[in-house]
């Protein structure tokens, strides 16, 4: 189960980087979950759901599923 989202939390995934100004542009859509690995807010488009346990995480963090450990 995903952790509860704080009011007015926004997706923090980087969608673009300017090579000229070195400015980072974040997604800024409303967050629907929080990555347990890094703590960043994730919108529906940027969250990855584990097919085994249903936990959401971002593409930058490794997800260690408890179901995989039990199956091994």
N, C-alpha and C. Protein backbone atom coordinates (compact mmCIF):
# COMPACT_ATOMS: atom_id res chain seq x y z
N UNK A 1 0.84 -1.17 0.00
CA UNK A 1 0.00 0.00 0.00
C UNK A 1 0.89 1.24 0.00
N UNK A 2 0.54 2.21 -0.82
CA UNK A 2 1.31 3.44 -0.92
C UNK A 2 1.08 4.32 0.31
N UNK A 3 2.13 5.05 0.74
CA UNK A 3 1.96 5.95 1.87
C UNK A 3 1.02 7.10 1.52
N UNK A 4 0.39 7.66 2.53
CA UNK A 4 -0.52 8.79 2.30
C UNK A 4 0.26 9.99 1.78
N UNK A 5 -0.36 10.73 0.88
CA UNK A 5 0.26 11.89 0.26
C UNK A 5 -0.08 13.14 1.07
N UNK A 6 0.92 13.95 1.31
CA UNK A 6 0.70 15.23 1.97
C UNK A 6 -0.10 16.13 1.04
N UNK A 7 -0.88 17.03 1.60
CA UNK A 7 -1.67 17.95 0.80
C UNK A 7 -0.76 18.79 -0.09
N UNK A 8 -1.16 18.95 -1.33
CA UNK A 8 -0.44 19.77 -2.30
C UNK A 8 0.99 19.30 -2.56
N UNK A 9 1.20 18.00 -2.61
CA UNK A 9 2.52 17.47 -2.96
C UNK A 9 2.55 17.25 -4.47
N UNK A 10 3.68 17.53 -5.11
CA UNK A 10 3.79 17.48 -6.57
C UNK A 10 4.82 16.45 -6.99
N UNK A 11 4.67 15.95 -8.19
CA UNK A 11 5.62 14.98 -8.76
C UNK A 11 6.98 15.65 -8.89
N UNK A 12 8.02 14.96 -8.44
CA UNK A 12 9.36 15.53 -8.44
C UNK A 12 10.30 14.87 -9.45
N UNK A 13 9.75 14.10 -10.40
CA UNK A 13 10.58 13.46 -11.40
C UNK A 13 11.09 14.48 -12.41
N UNK A 14 12.35 14.37 -12.77
CA UNK A 14 12.97 15.28 -13.73
C UNK A 14 12.51 14.91 -15.13
N UNK A 15 11.96 15.87 -15.85
CA UNK A 15 11.50 15.61 -17.21
C UNK A 15 12.39 16.27 -18.25
N UNK A 16 13.21 17.24 -17.85
CA UNK A 16 14.11 17.90 -18.80
C UNK A 16 15.25 18.58 -18.05
N UNK A 17 16.39 18.64 -18.70
CA UNK A 17 17.54 19.38 -18.18
C UNK A 17 18.04 20.29 -19.28
N UNK A 18 18.22 21.53 -18.95
CA UNK A 18 18.75 22.49 -19.92
C UNK A 18 20.28 22.42 -19.89
N UNK A 19 20.88 22.13 -21.02
CA UNK A 19 22.34 22.07 -21.09
C UNK A 19 22.97 23.45 -21.01
N UNK A 20 22.24 24.46 -21.43
CA UNK A 20 22.77 25.82 -21.43
C UNK A 20 22.74 26.43 -20.02
N UNK A 21 21.59 26.36 -19.36
CA UNK A 21 21.45 27.01 -18.05
C UNK A 21 21.63 26.04 -16.88
N UNK A 22 21.75 24.75 -17.16
CA UNK A 22 21.85 23.72 -16.12
C UNK A 22 20.63 23.70 -15.22
N UNK A 23 19.50 24.14 -15.74
CA UNK A 23 18.25 24.18 -14.98
C UNK A 23 17.54 22.83 -15.09
N UNK A 24 17.03 22.35 -13.99
CA UNK A 24 16.28 21.09 -13.96
C UNK A 24 14.79 21.42 -13.95
N UNK A 25 14.04 20.77 -14.83
CA UNK A 25 12.60 20.98 -14.89
C UNK A 25 11.92 19.71 -14.39
N UNK A 26 11.13 19.87 -13.33
CA UNK A 26 10.40 18.73 -12.77
C UNK A 26 9.01 18.65 -13.37
N UNK A 27 8.39 17.50 -13.23
CA UNK A 27 7.07 17.22 -13.81
C UNK A 27 6.01 18.18 -13.29
N UNK A 28 5.87 18.30 -11.97
CA UNK A 28 4.93 19.20 -11.30
C UNK A 28 3.46 18.84 -11.45
N UNK A 29 3.14 17.58 -11.82
CA UNK A 29 1.76 17.12 -11.74
C UNK A 29 1.47 16.75 -10.29
N UNK A 30 0.20 16.68 -9.90
CA UNK A 30 -0.11 16.27 -8.52
C UNK A 30 0.41 14.86 -8.24
N UNK A 31 1.04 14.67 -7.10
CA UNK A 31 1.57 13.36 -6.72
C UNK A 31 0.45 12.46 -6.21
N UNK A 32 0.53 11.18 -6.58
CA UNK A 32 -0.44 10.19 -6.10
C UNK A 32 0.23 9.18 -5.18
N UNK A 33 1.57 9.17 -5.16
CA UNK A 33 2.30 8.26 -4.27
C UNK A 33 3.67 8.83 -3.98
N UNK A 34 4.36 8.20 -3.04
CA UNK A 34 5.71 8.62 -2.67
C UNK A 34 6.63 7.42 -2.81
N UNK A 35 7.78 7.61 -3.45
CA UNK A 35 8.75 6.53 -3.60
C UNK A 35 9.37 6.23 -2.24
N UNK A 36 9.33 4.97 -1.79
CA UNK A 36 9.92 4.65 -0.49
C UNK A 36 11.44 4.71 -0.49
N UNK A 37 12.06 4.64 -1.67
CA UNK A 37 13.52 4.67 -1.75
C UNK A 37 14.10 6.06 -1.59
N UNK A 38 13.53 7.05 -2.29
CA UNK A 38 14.10 8.40 -2.28
C UNK A 38 13.18 9.44 -1.65
N UNK A 39 11.91 9.10 -1.47
CA UNK A 39 10.97 10.03 -0.85
C UNK A 39 10.37 11.05 -1.79
N UNK A 40 10.63 10.93 -3.09
CA UNK A 40 10.07 11.87 -4.05
C UNK A 40 8.61 11.57 -4.31
N UNK A 41 7.83 12.64 -4.54
CA UNK A 41 6.44 12.47 -4.93
C UNK A 41 6.37 11.99 -6.37
N UNK A 42 5.38 11.15 -6.68
CA UNK A 42 5.24 10.59 -8.02
C UNK A 42 3.81 10.76 -8.52
N UNK A 43 3.66 11.22 -9.76
CA UNK A 43 2.34 11.30 -10.38
C UNK A 43 2.03 9.93 -11.00
N UNK A 44 0.82 9.76 -11.52
CA UNK A 44 0.42 8.48 -12.11
C UNK A 44 1.32 8.09 -13.27
N UNK A 45 1.79 9.06 -14.03
CA UNK A 45 2.62 8.77 -15.20
C UNK A 45 4.02 8.30 -14.83
N UNK A 46 4.56 8.78 -13.72
CA UNK A 46 5.94 8.47 -13.35
C UNK A 46 6.10 7.39 -12.28
N UNK A 47 5.01 6.92 -11.69
CA UNK A 47 5.15 5.86 -10.69
C UNK A 47 5.21 4.50 -11.39
N UNK A 48 6.00 3.61 -10.84
CA UNK A 48 6.12 2.24 -11.32
C UNK A 48 5.54 1.34 -10.24
N UNK A 49 4.63 0.45 -10.62
CA UNK A 49 4.01 -0.45 -9.65
C UNK A 49 4.62 -1.84 -9.78
N UNK A 50 5.00 -2.41 -8.66
CA UNK A 50 5.51 -3.78 -8.63
C UNK A 50 4.35 -4.72 -8.93
N UNK A 51 4.50 -5.61 -9.92
CA UNK A 51 3.40 -6.52 -10.24
C UNK A 51 3.15 -7.58 -9.16
N UNK A 52 4.12 -7.79 -8.28
CA UNK A 52 3.96 -8.81 -7.24
C UNK A 52 3.31 -8.27 -5.97
N UNK A 53 3.78 -7.11 -5.48
CA UNK A 53 3.26 -6.60 -4.21
C UNK A 53 2.42 -5.33 -4.35
N UNK A 54 2.47 -4.68 -5.52
CA UNK A 54 1.67 -3.47 -5.75
C UNK A 54 2.27 -2.20 -5.20
N UNK A 55 3.50 -2.26 -4.65
CA UNK A 55 4.14 -1.07 -4.10
C UNK A 55 4.61 -0.17 -5.24
N UNK A 56 4.47 1.14 -5.06
CA UNK A 56 4.91 2.09 -6.08
C UNK A 56 6.32 2.58 -5.75
N UNK A 57 7.10 2.85 -6.81
CA UNK A 57 8.45 3.37 -6.67
C UNK A 57 8.80 4.10 -7.95
N UNK A 58 9.92 4.84 -7.95
CA UNK A 58 10.32 5.58 -9.14
C UNK A 58 11.33 4.75 -9.94
N UNK A 59 11.57 5.15 -11.18
CA UNK A 59 12.47 4.39 -12.05
C UNK A 59 13.93 4.48 -11.62
N UNK A 60 14.28 5.48 -10.82
CA UNK A 60 15.67 5.64 -10.38
C UNK A 60 16.02 4.75 -9.19
N UNK A 61 15.03 4.29 -8.45
CA UNK A 61 15.29 3.50 -7.25
C UNK A 61 15.08 2.01 -7.51
N UNK A 62 15.91 1.20 -6.88
CA UNK A 62 15.73 -0.25 -6.96
C UNK A 62 14.64 -0.66 -5.97
N UNK A 63 13.76 -1.53 -6.41
CA UNK A 63 12.69 -2.02 -5.55
C UNK A 63 13.00 -3.45 -5.16
N UNK A 64 13.12 -3.70 -3.88
CA UNK A 64 13.33 -5.06 -3.38
C UNK A 64 12.01 -5.57 -2.85
N UNK A 65 11.35 -6.38 -3.65
CA UNK A 65 10.03 -6.88 -3.32
C UNK A 65 10.13 -8.00 -2.29
N UNK A 66 9.31 -7.93 -1.25
CA UNK A 66 9.28 -8.96 -0.24
C UNK A 66 8.80 -10.29 -0.79
N UNK A 67 7.96 -10.26 -1.82
CA UNK A 67 7.48 -11.50 -2.44
C UNK A 67 8.59 -12.23 -3.17
N UNK A 68 9.53 -11.50 -3.79
CA UNK A 68 10.66 -12.13 -4.48
C UNK A 68 11.55 -12.85 -3.48
N UNK A 69 11.77 -12.27 -2.32
CA UNK A 69 12.62 -12.88 -1.30
C UNK A 69 11.99 -14.16 -0.75
N UNK A 70 10.68 -14.18 -0.61
CA UNK A 70 9.97 -15.35 -0.11
C UNK A 70 9.99 -16.49 -1.13
N UNK A 71 9.94 -16.15 -2.43
CA UNK A 71 9.92 -17.16 -3.48
C UNK A 71 11.27 -17.82 -3.68
N UNK A 72 12.35 -17.14 -3.30
CA UNK A 72 13.69 -17.67 -3.53
C UNK A 72 14.10 -18.73 -2.53
